[in-house]
Structures are given as C-alpha cells and as structure tokens.
N, C-alpha and C. Protein backbone atom coordinates (compact mmCIF):
# COMPACT_ATOMS: atom_id res chain seq x y z
N MET A 1 111.54 161.89 188.45
CA MET A 1 112.15 162.71 189.44
C MET A 1 113.66 162.68 189.22
N VAL A 2 114.28 163.83 189.34
CA VAL A 2 115.72 163.96 189.17
C VAL A 2 116.33 164.35 190.50
N GLN A 3 117.40 163.67 190.84
CA GLN A 3 118.10 164.00 192.06
C GLN A 3 119.46 164.54 191.67
N ARG A 4 119.88 165.60 192.31
CA ARG A 4 121.13 166.24 191.96
C ARG A 4 121.97 166.38 193.23
N THR A 5 123.20 165.89 193.16
CA THR A 5 124.11 166.00 194.30
C THR A 5 125.19 167.01 193.95
N ILE A 6 125.39 167.96 194.81
CA ILE A 6 126.41 168.97 194.61
C ILE A 6 127.46 168.80 195.70
N THR A 7 128.72 168.65 195.28
CA THR A 7 129.81 168.53 196.23
C THR A 7 130.54 169.86 196.28
N ILE A 8 130.68 170.38 197.47
CA ILE A 8 131.38 171.65 197.66
C ILE A 8 132.68 171.36 198.38
N TYR A 9 133.79 171.73 197.76
CA TYR A 9 135.10 171.50 198.34
C TYR A 9 135.52 172.74 199.12
N THR A 10 135.83 172.55 200.40
CA THR A 10 136.17 173.67 201.27
C THR A 10 137.51 173.40 201.94
N ASP A 11 138.41 174.39 201.88
CA ASP A 11 139.70 174.31 202.55
C ASP A 11 139.46 174.30 204.05
N ASP A 12 140.02 173.28 204.74
CA ASP A 12 139.79 173.14 206.19
C ASP A 12 140.42 174.27 207.00
N LEU A 13 141.46 174.90 206.49
CA LEU A 13 142.11 175.98 207.24
C LEU A 13 141.47 177.34 206.98
N SER A 14 141.28 177.65 205.72
CA SER A 14 140.81 179.00 205.39
C SER A 14 139.30 179.10 205.24
N GLY A 15 138.63 177.96 205.03
CA GLY A 15 137.20 177.97 204.81
C GLY A 15 136.81 178.37 203.40
N VAL A 16 137.80 178.58 202.54
CA VAL A 16 137.55 178.98 201.15
C VAL A 16 137.01 177.79 200.37
N THR A 17 135.97 178.03 199.61
CA THR A 17 135.38 177.01 198.75
C THR A 17 135.98 177.14 197.36
N ASP A 18 136.50 176.01 196.84
CA ASP A 18 137.18 176.05 195.54
C ASP A 18 137.22 174.64 194.97
N GLU A 19 137.18 174.54 193.65
CA GLU A 19 137.24 173.21 193.04
C GLU A 19 138.67 172.65 193.06
N ASP A 20 139.68 173.47 193.39
CA ASP A 20 141.06 173.00 193.48
C ASP A 20 141.40 172.42 194.85
N VAL A 21 140.47 172.42 195.77
CA VAL A 21 140.70 171.84 197.10
C VAL A 21 140.77 170.32 196.95
N ALA A 22 141.77 169.72 197.60
CA ALA A 22 141.94 168.27 197.53
C ALA A 22 142.24 167.74 198.93
N THR A 23 141.98 166.45 199.12
CA THR A 23 142.25 165.81 200.40
C THR A 23 143.68 165.30 200.42
N HIS A 24 144.38 165.61 201.51
CA HIS A 24 145.76 165.17 201.69
C HIS A 24 145.85 164.43 203.01
N THR A 25 146.70 163.40 203.04
CA THR A 25 146.86 162.60 204.26
C THR A 25 148.30 162.70 204.76
N PHE A 26 148.44 162.62 206.06
CA PHE A 26 149.76 162.56 206.67
C PHE A 26 149.61 161.84 208.00
N SER A 27 150.74 161.47 208.58
CA SER A 27 150.72 160.69 209.81
C SER A 27 151.75 161.24 210.78
N VAL A 28 151.38 161.31 212.06
CA VAL A 28 152.29 161.73 213.12
C VAL A 28 152.09 160.76 214.29
N ASP A 29 153.17 160.17 214.74
CA ASP A 29 153.14 159.25 215.88
C ASP A 29 152.09 158.14 215.70
N GLY A 30 152.01 157.62 214.50
CA GLY A 30 151.10 156.51 214.23
C GLY A 30 149.65 156.90 214.06
N VAL A 31 149.34 158.18 214.11
CA VAL A 31 147.97 158.65 213.91
C VAL A 31 147.87 159.25 212.51
N ASN A 32 146.95 158.74 211.73
CA ASN A 32 146.76 159.24 210.37
C ASN A 32 145.77 160.40 210.38
N TYR A 33 146.08 161.42 209.58
CA TYR A 33 145.23 162.59 209.47
C TYR A 33 144.87 162.83 208.01
N GLU A 34 143.69 163.37 207.78
CA GLU A 34 143.27 163.84 206.46
C GLU A 34 142.89 165.29 206.60
N VAL A 35 143.29 166.08 205.63
CA VAL A 35 142.94 167.50 205.65
C VAL A 35 142.65 167.93 204.22
N ASP A 36 141.60 168.72 204.05
CA ASP A 36 141.24 169.24 202.74
C ASP A 36 141.87 170.62 202.59
N LEU A 37 142.73 170.77 201.60
CA LEU A 37 143.47 172.01 201.43
C LEU A 37 143.45 172.48 199.98
N GLY A 38 143.42 173.79 199.82
CA GLY A 38 143.63 174.39 198.51
C GLY A 38 145.11 174.40 198.20
N PRO A 39 145.48 174.76 196.98
CA PRO A 39 146.89 174.71 196.58
C PRO A 39 147.82 175.53 197.48
N ASP A 40 147.42 176.73 197.91
CA ASP A 40 148.29 177.56 198.74
C ASP A 40 148.54 176.94 200.11
N ASN A 41 147.48 176.45 200.75
CA ASN A 41 147.65 175.85 202.06
C ASN A 41 148.37 174.50 201.98
N TYR A 42 148.18 173.78 200.87
CA TYR A 42 148.93 172.54 200.69
C TYR A 42 150.42 172.85 200.57
N GLN A 43 150.76 173.89 199.85
CA GLN A 43 152.16 174.30 199.76
C GLN A 43 152.71 174.69 201.13
N ASN A 44 151.89 175.37 201.93
CA ASN A 44 152.30 175.72 203.29
C ASN A 44 152.59 174.46 204.12
N LEU A 45 151.74 173.43 203.96
CA LEU A 45 151.95 172.17 204.66
C LEU A 45 153.27 171.54 204.22
N LEU A 46 153.52 171.50 202.91
CA LEU A 46 154.77 170.92 202.41
C LEU A 46 155.98 171.70 202.90
N ASP A 47 155.87 173.03 202.91
CA ASP A 47 156.97 173.87 203.38
C ASP A 47 157.26 173.59 204.86
N ALA A 48 156.21 173.42 205.65
CA ALA A 48 156.38 173.17 207.08
C ALA A 48 156.97 171.78 207.35
N LEU A 49 156.52 170.79 206.61
CA LEU A 49 156.98 169.42 206.83
C LEU A 49 158.27 169.09 206.08
N GLY A 50 158.60 169.91 205.08
CA GLY A 50 159.74 169.63 204.21
C GLY A 50 161.04 169.28 204.93
N PRO A 51 161.49 170.10 205.89
CA PRO A 51 162.74 169.77 206.57
C PRO A 51 162.69 168.42 207.30
N PHE A 52 161.53 168.09 207.85
CA PHE A 52 161.39 166.83 208.58
C PHE A 52 161.34 165.64 207.62
N MET A 53 160.66 165.83 206.49
CA MET A 53 160.61 164.76 205.49
C MET A 53 161.99 164.53 204.90
N GLY A 54 162.74 165.61 204.69
CA GLY A 54 164.09 165.48 204.14
C GLY A 54 165.04 164.76 205.08
N ALA A 55 164.87 164.94 206.37
CA ALA A 55 165.75 164.32 207.35
C ALA A 55 165.25 162.94 207.77
N GLY A 56 163.99 162.65 207.48
CA GLY A 56 163.40 161.39 207.93
C GLY A 56 163.65 160.23 206.98
N ARG A 57 163.15 159.08 207.38
CA ARG A 57 163.24 157.86 206.59
C ARG A 57 161.83 157.46 206.18
N LYS A 58 161.68 157.01 204.96
CA LYS A 58 160.39 156.50 204.51
C LYS A 58 160.19 155.12 205.11
N THR A 59 159.01 154.89 205.64
CA THR A 59 158.73 153.59 206.24
C THR A 59 157.61 152.86 205.52
N GLY A 60 157.03 153.46 204.57
CA GLY A 60 155.93 152.85 203.85
C GLY A 60 155.51 153.77 202.73
N GLY A 61 154.31 153.67 202.37
CA GLY A 61 153.79 154.51 201.31
C GLY A 61 152.58 153.85 200.71
N THR A 62 152.19 154.37 199.59
CA THR A 62 151.04 153.79 198.93
C THR A 62 151.44 152.47 198.32
N ARG A 63 150.58 151.52 198.40
CA ARG A 63 150.84 150.23 197.79
C ARG A 63 150.63 150.33 196.30
N ARG A 64 151.55 149.79 195.59
CA ARG A 64 151.43 149.77 194.14
C ARG A 64 151.14 148.35 193.71
N PRO A 65 150.21 148.20 192.79
CA PRO A 65 149.89 146.84 192.37
C PRO A 65 151.09 146.19 191.69
N ALA A 66 151.17 144.88 191.81
CA ALA A 66 152.26 144.16 191.18
C ALA A 66 152.26 144.42 189.69
N LYS A 67 153.44 144.52 189.13
CA LYS A 67 153.55 144.79 187.70
C LYS A 67 153.07 143.56 186.94
N ARG A 68 152.18 143.78 186.04
CA ARG A 68 151.63 142.68 185.27
C ARG A 68 152.07 142.80 183.82
N ALA A 69 152.17 141.66 183.20
CA ALA A 69 152.49 141.66 181.78
C ALA A 69 151.35 142.33 181.03
N LYS A 70 151.68 143.21 180.14
CA LYS A 70 150.64 143.96 179.44
C LYS A 70 150.58 143.56 177.97
N ALA A 71 150.35 142.29 177.76
CA ALA A 71 150.33 141.78 176.40
C ALA A 71 149.16 142.35 175.61
N GLY A 72 147.96 142.24 176.17
CA GLY A 72 146.77 142.81 175.56
C GLY A 72 146.66 142.62 174.07
N SER A 73 146.59 143.72 173.32
CA SER A 73 146.38 143.66 171.89
C SER A 73 147.65 143.24 171.14
N ASP A 74 148.80 143.26 171.80
CA ASP A 74 150.05 142.86 171.17
C ASP A 74 150.32 141.37 171.31
N ALA A 75 149.41 140.64 171.89
CA ALA A 75 149.65 139.23 172.19
C ALA A 75 150.05 138.44 170.95
N GLY A 76 149.37 138.67 169.84
CA GLY A 76 149.71 137.95 168.61
C GLY A 76 151.12 138.25 168.15
N ARG A 77 151.50 139.52 168.20
CA ARG A 77 152.85 139.91 167.79
C ARG A 77 153.90 139.35 168.74
N ILE A 78 153.59 139.36 170.03
CA ILE A 78 154.54 138.83 171.01
C ILE A 78 154.73 137.34 170.80
N ARG A 79 153.64 136.62 170.57
CA ARG A 79 153.74 135.18 170.32
C ARG A 79 154.57 134.89 169.06
N ALA A 80 154.30 135.64 167.99
CA ALA A 80 155.04 135.44 166.75
C ALA A 80 156.52 135.75 166.95
N TRP A 81 156.82 136.83 167.68
CA TRP A 81 158.22 137.20 167.94
C TRP A 81 158.89 136.10 168.76
N ALA A 82 158.21 135.62 169.81
CA ALA A 82 158.79 134.60 170.68
C ALA A 82 159.10 133.34 169.87
N GLN A 83 158.18 132.93 169.03
CA GLN A 83 158.40 131.73 168.22
C GLN A 83 159.56 131.92 167.26
N SER A 84 159.71 133.13 166.69
CA SER A 84 160.82 133.39 165.77
C SER A 84 162.16 133.39 166.51
N GLN A 85 162.12 133.61 167.82
CA GLN A 85 163.34 133.58 168.65
C GLN A 85 163.59 132.20 169.25
N GLY A 86 162.72 131.25 168.93
CA GLY A 86 162.88 129.91 169.47
C GLY A 86 162.37 129.76 170.89
N ILE A 87 161.55 130.71 171.33
CA ILE A 87 161.00 130.67 172.68
C ILE A 87 159.62 130.02 172.60
N GLU A 88 159.41 129.01 173.43
CA GLU A 88 158.12 128.32 173.42
C GLU A 88 157.09 129.16 174.16
N VAL A 89 155.96 129.39 173.51
CA VAL A 89 154.86 130.10 174.12
C VAL A 89 153.57 129.48 173.60
N GLY A 90 152.63 129.27 174.50
CA GLY A 90 151.38 128.63 174.12
C GLY A 90 150.55 129.48 173.16
N PRO A 91 149.66 128.86 172.40
CA PRO A 91 148.84 129.59 171.44
C PRO A 91 147.74 130.44 172.07
N ARG A 92 147.44 130.17 173.34
CA ARG A 92 146.41 130.93 174.05
C ARG A 92 146.83 131.15 175.49
N GLY A 93 146.10 132.03 176.14
CA GLY A 93 146.34 132.27 177.56
C GLY A 93 147.36 133.36 177.82
N ARG A 94 147.70 133.47 179.07
CA ARG A 94 148.62 134.52 179.53
C ARG A 94 150.03 134.27 179.02
N ILE A 95 150.67 135.33 178.54
CA ILE A 95 152.06 135.24 178.11
C ILE A 95 152.92 135.58 179.33
N PRO A 96 153.88 134.74 179.66
CA PRO A 96 154.71 135.01 180.84
C PRO A 96 155.38 136.39 180.76
N ALA A 97 155.49 137.05 181.92
CA ALA A 97 156.02 138.40 181.99
C ALA A 97 157.44 138.50 181.44
N ASP A 98 158.26 137.47 181.67
CA ASP A 98 159.64 137.54 181.19
C ASP A 98 159.70 137.56 179.67
N ILE A 99 158.78 136.88 179.02
CA ILE A 99 158.73 136.91 177.55
C ILE A 99 158.28 138.28 177.06
N VAL A 100 157.28 138.86 177.72
CA VAL A 100 156.81 140.19 177.35
C VAL A 100 157.95 141.20 177.52
N GLU A 101 158.71 141.09 178.62
CA GLU A 101 159.83 142.00 178.86
C GLU A 101 160.90 141.85 177.79
N LYS A 102 161.21 140.60 177.41
CA LYS A 102 162.20 140.38 176.35
C LYS A 102 161.73 140.99 175.04
N TYR A 103 160.43 140.83 174.74
CA TYR A 103 159.85 141.40 173.52
C TYR A 103 159.98 142.92 173.54
N GLU A 104 159.60 143.54 174.68
CA GLU A 104 159.64 144.99 174.77
C GLU A 104 161.05 145.54 174.68
N SER A 105 162.01 144.84 175.26
CA SER A 105 163.40 145.31 175.19
C SER A 105 163.99 145.13 173.79
N ALA A 106 163.44 144.19 173.03
CA ALA A 106 163.93 143.97 171.66
C ALA A 106 163.35 144.99 170.68
N GLN A 107 162.31 145.69 171.09
CA GLN A 107 161.66 146.64 170.18
C GLN A 107 162.38 147.96 170.16
C-alpha cells in the first residue's frame, strides 16, 4: 500500500494556492503571529511594517547557534600548521577554535 501526502500552500489573505507561499512570523504587543503569504502579499506586509521597523529597536531575533570550529577534513593540515608555528595541539580530538581561526587568517 502506498500513502501519498499532498501539501497545498494557500495565501491566508488572497486564498490563492501557490508553491511560492511561505509562512512568516511577526509579533505585536507580545503576541506572536504566523501568516502564510505569497510573494506579493509578503511585500505588502513589509511595506506596511517598514516605517515602524525602521523607527523601532530590535529586541531579539532568531537564535543563532554558537560558532564552532570547523576543522573537519582540514584537521590534519591545521595540526601540521600549528606545530610548524610552535603552537601545541594534541594529535587527536577537537582543535581549539582560536587555533582554527589563526590557521584560517594565515591562509
């Protein structure tokens, strides 16, 4: 048996069904809202809120994950570079972020 799920995206204002419809969030007086809008209605929302956003202060936003050292496949090269610079780095495990940053800025 095959089950098929079809998702239909519909603009909450116009009722138009389109694959370009996306969910947008905003907040007023501590109440969060979500609205599904197509590109034209999203632009209308931005145009309407634009003057207020320009005059307002940001108080938060999306949380971004902490920046992590991205040694990954370059770990061997970073270790070799660090040792050639006289920087002590262990033969295994996580390479400290400050060493990765020094390596990247030297490249």
